[in-house]
Every structure is written in C-alpha cells, then in structure tokens.
C-alpha cells in the first residue's frame, strides 16, 4: 500500500489591501505574482510565490470584517511565523534591505545557518534563512 503524497500548497495570509500586499511581496521580497483573479464583490484570488514553485505559495486574503482586520500583522501572536529559505543569504539580505524591508536584527550565523528576522509590511515576523 502506498503512502498518499500530500503537501501544504497554500498558506493564507490576511492582508489589509490586495494591491499594497502584491507590491510588497513582489517588489520588496522578490516574489512572483502567480494568480490574481477577480472573484466578484471586491474579492480576489491572489497567489504569490517566493521561488521556483518547490515550496508553499501564499494566498493573500483581504480582511473581510473587523475581526480579520484586527488579525492583520498579528496572525502568529508576535512570533516568527514564516520562514523564507534562500540559497544566498547575503544577496537576498542586501536586496531586501535596499528595497526597504525592515530587519529587526543584524544577520546571525548559527550552527543551523545564516538568519535574520524581518517584518512584512503589516508587522508579521519572518526569518530569512540560508540553511547550513
């Protein structure tokens, strides 16, 4: 009996505005816009991807009510909730810094790799990480 092949394909990230989120993830983080489909009534299906498609895509989901709006930027309670792996930490750190990404610490070189915590445009915390 074979084991089912499963993976997390999308992770939803609640955002304040589609276009500002697309601009940040595309221009500041270098993600590709994979899909932007109008679903009517002001709703869109917006998917961005950080690399070659081998990982998990992000579904940028516009907050639909006050409770969701309150969660924007705080989806993980202030913890690092997203991990952006890179094959060239120095290159991506420099490019992101130039693009205005706010890093919360200087790069660290740990036994597991090079890492620095940054915030997205809403305050969600991410690790930029090049594994050792």
Protein backbone atom coordinates (compact mmCIF):
# COMPACT_ATOMS: atom_id res chain seq x y z
CA UNK A 1 0.00 0.00 0.00
CA UNK A 2 1.45 3.36 -0.98
CA UNK A 3 1.52 6.41 1.24
CA UNK A 4 -0.56 9.34 -0.07
CA UNK A 5 1.53 12.19 -1.46
CA UNK A 6 0.47 15.30 0.40
CA UNK A 7 1.90 18.78 0.92
CA UNK A 8 0.72 22.17 2.03
CA UNK A 9 0.23 24.01 -1.24
CA UNK A 10 -1.07 27.36 0.05
CA UNK A 11 -0.95 29.27 3.30
CA UNK A 12 -3.40 32.15 3.71
CA UNK A 13 -2.07 35.48 4.90
CA UNK A 14 -4.72 38.04 5.86
CA UNK A 15 -3.86 41.45 4.38
CA UNK A 16 -5.34 44.94 4.53
CA UNK A 17 -5.29 45.59 0.79
CA UNK A 18 -4.58 43.35 -2.21
CA UNK A 19 -2.55 45.82 -4.25
CA UNK A 20 -0.29 47.03 -1.42
CA UNK A 21 0.36 43.41 -0.42
CA UNK A 22 1.16 42.40 -4.01
CA UNK A 23 3.54 45.36 -4.35
CA UNK A 24 5.38 44.46 -1.12
CA UNK A 25 5.74 40.74 -1.78
CA UNK A 26 6.65 41.25 -5.44
CA UNK A 27 8.85 44.35 -5.23
CA UNK A 28 10.42 44.15 -1.76
CA UNK A 29 10.66 40.38 -1.29
CA UNK A 30 11.03 39.37 -4.93
CA UNK A 31 8.04 37.00 -5.02
CA UNK A 32 6.28 36.19 -8.28
CA UNK A 33 2.61 37.01 -8.73
CA UNK A 34 1.17 33.62 -9.73
CA UNK A 35 -2.52 34.49 -9.91
CA UNK A 36 -4.78 37.49 -9.45
CA UNK A 37 -8.35 36.54 -10.31
CA UNK A 38 -11.39 38.73 -9.66
CA UNK A 39 -14.00 36.72 -7.77
CA UNK A 40 -16.63 39.46 -7.77
CA UNK A 41 -17.87 41.64 -4.94
CA UNK A 42 -14.40 43.07 -4.32
CA UNK A 43 -12.91 39.65 -3.64
CA UNK A 44 -9.84 38.36 -5.49
CA UNK A 45 -7.84 35.15 -5.50
CA UNK A 46 -4.26 36.41 -5.18
CA UNK A 47 -1.36 33.96 -5.00
CA UNK A 48 2.32 34.85 -4.70
CA UNK A 49 5.30 32.51 -4.79
CA UNK A 50 8.78 33.06 -3.32
CA UNK A 51 10.80 30.93 -5.69
CA UNK A 52 10.76 28.20 -8.28
CA UNK A 53 7.50 26.64 -7.11
CA UNK A 54 9.02 23.92 -4.98
CA UNK A 55 7.65 25.34 -1.75
CA UNK A 56 4.42 26.75 -0.40
CA UNK A 57 2.62 29.62 -2.10
CA UNK A 58 0.91 32.42 -0.17
CA UNK A 59 -2.73 33.25 -0.69
CA UNK A 60 -3.10 36.97 0.04
CA UNK A 61 -6.59 37.16 1.54
CA UNK A 62 -8.07 40.62 2.10
CA UNK A 63 -9.63 41.03 5.53
CA UNK A 64 -13.40 40.73 5.15
CA UNK A 65 -14.55 42.02 8.55
CA UNK A 66 -13.35 43.76 11.70
CA UNK A 67 -12.14 40.55 13.36
CA UNK A 68 -10.00 39.67 10.34
CA UNK A 69 -8.75 43.25 10.06
CA UNK A 70 -7.65 43.08 13.71
CA UNK A 71 -5.60 39.95 12.88
CA UNK A 72 -3.63 41.63 10.07
CA UNK A 73 0.03 41.60 11.12
CA UNK A 74 -0.64 39.54 14.23
CA UNK A 75 -1.57 36.15 12.84
CA UNK A 76 1.12 34.38 14.86
CA UNK A 77 0.90 36.37 18.08
CA UNK A 78 4.20 38.22 17.56
CA UNK A 79 6.26 35.07 16.91
CA UNK A 80 8.15 34.40 13.72
CA UNK A 81 5.52 32.62 11.70
CA UNK A 82 7.03 32.46 8.23
CA UNK A 83 10.39 31.14 7.07
CA UNK A 84 11.83 32.31 3.77
CA UNK A 85 14.66 29.98 2.77
CA UNK A 86 17.37 31.25 0.44
CA UNK A 87 20.40 29.79 -1.29
CA UNK A 88 22.28 33.12 -0.95
CA UNK A 89 21.65 34.93 2.32
CA UNK A 90 23.97 37.88 1.65
CA UNK A 91 22.42 38.56 -1.77
CA UNK A 92 18.83 38.44 -0.55
CA UNK A 93 19.50 40.35 2.67
CA UNK A 94 21.18 43.15 0.71
CA UNK A 95 18.43 43.28 -1.94
CA UNK A 96 15.66 43.28 0.65
CA UNK A 97 17.38 45.95 2.76
CA UNK A 98 17.75 48.15 -0.33
CA UNK A 99 14.05 47.60 -1.09
CA UNK A 100 13.14 48.93 2.37
CA UNK A 101 12.43 45.69 4.21
CA UNK A 102 12.75 46.26 7.97
CA UNK A 103 15.09 43.77 9.61
CA UNK A 104 14.71 43.52 13.39
CA UNK A 105 18.24 42.27 13.97
CA UNK A 106 21.64 42.01 12.37
CA UNK A 107 22.32 38.77 10.49
CA UNK A 108 23.33 35.88 12.72
CA UNK A 109 25.38 32.86 11.78
CA UNK A 110 24.12 29.91 13.77
CA UNK A 111 25.04 26.21 13.55
CA UNK A 112 21.85 25.67 11.52
CA UNK A 113 22.57 28.53 9.08
CA UNK A 114 22.54 32.28 8.46
CA UNK A 115 19.40 34.03 9.68
CA UNK A 116 17.81 37.41 10.33
CA UNK A 117 14.28 38.29 11.43
CA UNK A 118 12.36 40.81 9.35
CA UNK A 119 8.83 42.20 9.25
CA UNK A 120 6.50 42.33 6.30
CA UNK A 121 4.50 45.48 5.61
CA UNK A 122 1.94 44.55 8.26
CA UNK A 123 4.35 43.54 11.03
CA UNK A 124 4.25 39.75 10.56
CA UNK A 125 7.63 38.33 11.52
CA UNK A 126 9.65 36.26 9.11
CA UNK A 127 13.04 34.54 9.17
CA UNK A 128 15.28 34.99 6.15
CA UNK A 129 17.27 31.78 6.42
CA UNK A 130 20.04 30.08 4.50
CA UNK A 131 20.38 26.60 5.98
CA UNK A 132 23.90 25.40 6.78
